[in-house]
Amino acid sequence: MANSRLIGGWFPRPASPRAVWGDVCALISAKGRYKLVFLTMAIGITSSIITIFILEGRDPALLPGPQTIYVSDWKLTRTDAEIQAQQKIDMKALKEAREARRLQFKKVDDDLKRLGI
């Protein structure tokens, strides 16, 4: 095996907490104040991003609101012909909605092409 520290030759082995703490202590005690500055910046930026995600996730304005689900009420005595006729009407409405959505995306695509994007 060329490198025994790599798992399967590709991924480094997970570090133990003791090894990580030793690396941090060695970094702090090393000469060169810039290392401590970069360590502080790395911890600060990472902490800020995580804090922003947590605070943003708690915003009630971003949570989904109540949803209304419409259910059709059908009589029990309807025939297969009535069911098929309603399915054709529903399929036509679905195709029209899909076509309208496709045209919206085509318009955006044409605008982007016009801008050279």
Protein backbone atom coordinates (compact mmCIF):
# COMPACT_ATOMS: atom_id res chain seq x y z
CA MET A 1 0.00 0.00 0.00
CA ALA A 2 1.50 3.30 -1.07
CA ASN A 3 0.02 5.48 1.64
CA SER A 4 -1.42 3.79 4.72
CA ARG A 5 -2.99 7.03 5.97
CA LEU A 6 -5.48 7.06 3.12
CA ILE A 7 -8.64 4.96 3.22
CA GLY A 8 -8.93 3.04 -0.01
CA GLY A 9 -6.15 5.22 -1.38
CA TRP A 10 -8.43 8.25 -1.74
CA PHE A 11 -9.78 9.64 1.52
CA PRO A 12 -7.78 10.60 4.64
CA ARG A 13 -8.62 8.79 7.85
CA PRO A 14 -10.85 10.74 10.23
CA ALA A 15 -8.76 12.56 12.82
CA SER A 16 -9.27 11.88 16.50
CA PRO A 17 -10.26 14.82 18.72
CA ARG A 18 -6.91 14.53 20.53
CA ALA A 19 -5.02 14.88 17.23
CA VAL A 20 -7.13 17.89 16.19
CA TRP A 21 -6.57 19.57 19.54
CA GLY A 22 -2.82 18.89 19.25
CA ASP A 23 -2.78 20.51 15.80
CA VAL A 24 -4.64 23.58 17.11
CA CYS A 25 -2.23 23.91 20.07
CA ALA A 26 0.76 23.56 17.74
CA LEU A 27 -0.69 26.22 15.45
CA ILE A 28 -1.23 28.64 18.34
CA SER A 29 2.20 28.07 19.86
CA ALA A 30 4.02 28.35 16.52
CA LYS A 31 5.93 31.46 15.65
CA GLY A 32 4.15 33.88 13.42
CA ARG A 33 1.22 35.93 14.56
CA TYR A 34 -0.45 35.65 11.14
CA LYS A 35 -1.38 32.02 11.80
CA LEU A 36 -3.38 33.03 14.86
CA VAL A 37 -5.06 35.82 12.88
CA PHE A 38 -6.06 33.43 10.10
CA LEU A 39 -7.28 30.85 12.64
CA THR A 40 -9.47 33.50 14.28
CA MET A 41 -10.78 34.67 10.91
CA ALA A 42 -11.59 31.11 9.81
CA ILE A 43 -13.47 30.36 13.02
CA GLY A 44 -15.27 33.72 12.94
CA ILE A 45 -16.40 33.47 9.32
CA THR A 46 -17.59 29.88 9.73
CA SER A 47 -19.44 30.73 12.94
CA SER A 48 -21.07 33.74 11.27
CA ILE A 49 -22.33 31.70 8.33
CA ILE A 50 -23.75 28.98 10.58
CA THR A 51 -25.41 31.60 12.82
CA ILE A 52 -26.99 33.32 9.80
CA PHE A 53 -28.41 30.00 8.56
CA ILE A 54 -29.85 29.22 11.99
CA LEU A 55 -31.41 32.66 12.41
CA GLU A 56 -32.77 32.69 8.89
CA GLY A 57 -34.33 29.27 9.39
CA ARG A 58 -36.31 30.60 12.36
CA ASP A 59 -37.91 33.42 10.35
CA PRO A 60 -41.67 32.77 10.30
CA ALA A 61 -42.03 34.67 7.01
CA LEU A 62 -40.02 31.96 5.26
CA LEU A 63 -42.07 29.06 6.60
CA PRO A 64 -44.72 27.64 4.29
CA GLY A 65 -48.20 28.84 5.09
CA PRO A 66 -51.37 26.84 5.27
CA GLN A 67 -52.22 24.96 2.10
CA THR A 68 -55.68 24.54 0.65
CA ILE A 69 -56.39 21.21 -0.98
CA TYR A 70 -59.47 21.03 -3.16
CA VAL A 71 -61.24 17.70 -3.44
CA SER A 72 -63.88 16.94 -6.02
CA ASP A 73 -67.03 15.31 -4.76
CA TRP A 74 -68.44 12.75 -7.16
CA LYS A 75 -71.70 10.89 -7.04
CA LEU A 76 -71.43 7.15 -6.64
CA THR A 77 -73.63 6.40 -9.63
CA ARG A 78 -71.51 8.04 -12.31
CA THR A 79 -70.70 5.93 -15.32
CA ASP A 80 -67.37 5.07 -16.90
CA ALA A 81 -68.19 7.39 -19.80
CA GLU A 82 -68.64 10.30 -17.39
CA ILE A 83 -65.34 9.46 -15.71
CA GLN A 84 -63.51 9.34 -19.04
CA ALA A 85 -65.11 12.62 -20.17
CA GLN A 86 -63.96 14.34 -16.96
CA GLN A 87 -60.46 12.89 -17.36
CA LYS A 88 -60.28 14.32 -20.89
CA ILE A 89 -61.31 17.74 -19.60
CA ASP A 90 -58.74 17.54 -16.81
CA MET A 91 -56.03 16.38 -19.21
CA LYS A 92 -56.77 19.27 -21.57
CA ALA A 93 -56.50 21.77 -18.70
CA LEU A 94 -53.23 20.17 -17.59
CA LYS A 95 -51.77 20.35 -21.12
CA GLU A 96 -52.77 24.02 -21.41
CA ALA A 97 -51.13 24.82 -18.07
CA ARG A 98 -47.95 22.98 -19.10
CA GLU A 99 -47.88 24.79 -22.44
CA ALA A 100 -48.32 28.16 -20.71
CA ARG A 101 -45.45 27.33 -18.35
CA ARG A 102 -43.29 26.20 -21.29
CA LEU A 103 -43.96 29.50 -23.07
CA GLN A 104 -42.93 31.41 -19.95
CA PHE A 105 -39.61 29.56 -19.85
CA LYS A 106 -39.17 30.05 -23.62
CA LYS A 107 -39.64 33.80 -23.17
CA VAL A 108 -36.98 33.88 -20.45
CA ASP A 109 -34.66 31.79 -22.64
CA ASP A 110 -35.20 34.10 -25.62
CA ASP A 111 -34.48 37.15 -23.45
CA LEU A 112 -31.27 35.56 -22.17
CA LYS A 113 -30.20 34.64 -25.71
CA ARG A 114 -30.88 38.20 -26.81
CA LEU A 115 -28.55 39.40 -24.03
CA GLY A 116 -25.90 36.90 -25.11
CA ILE A 117 -26.15 34.66 -22.07
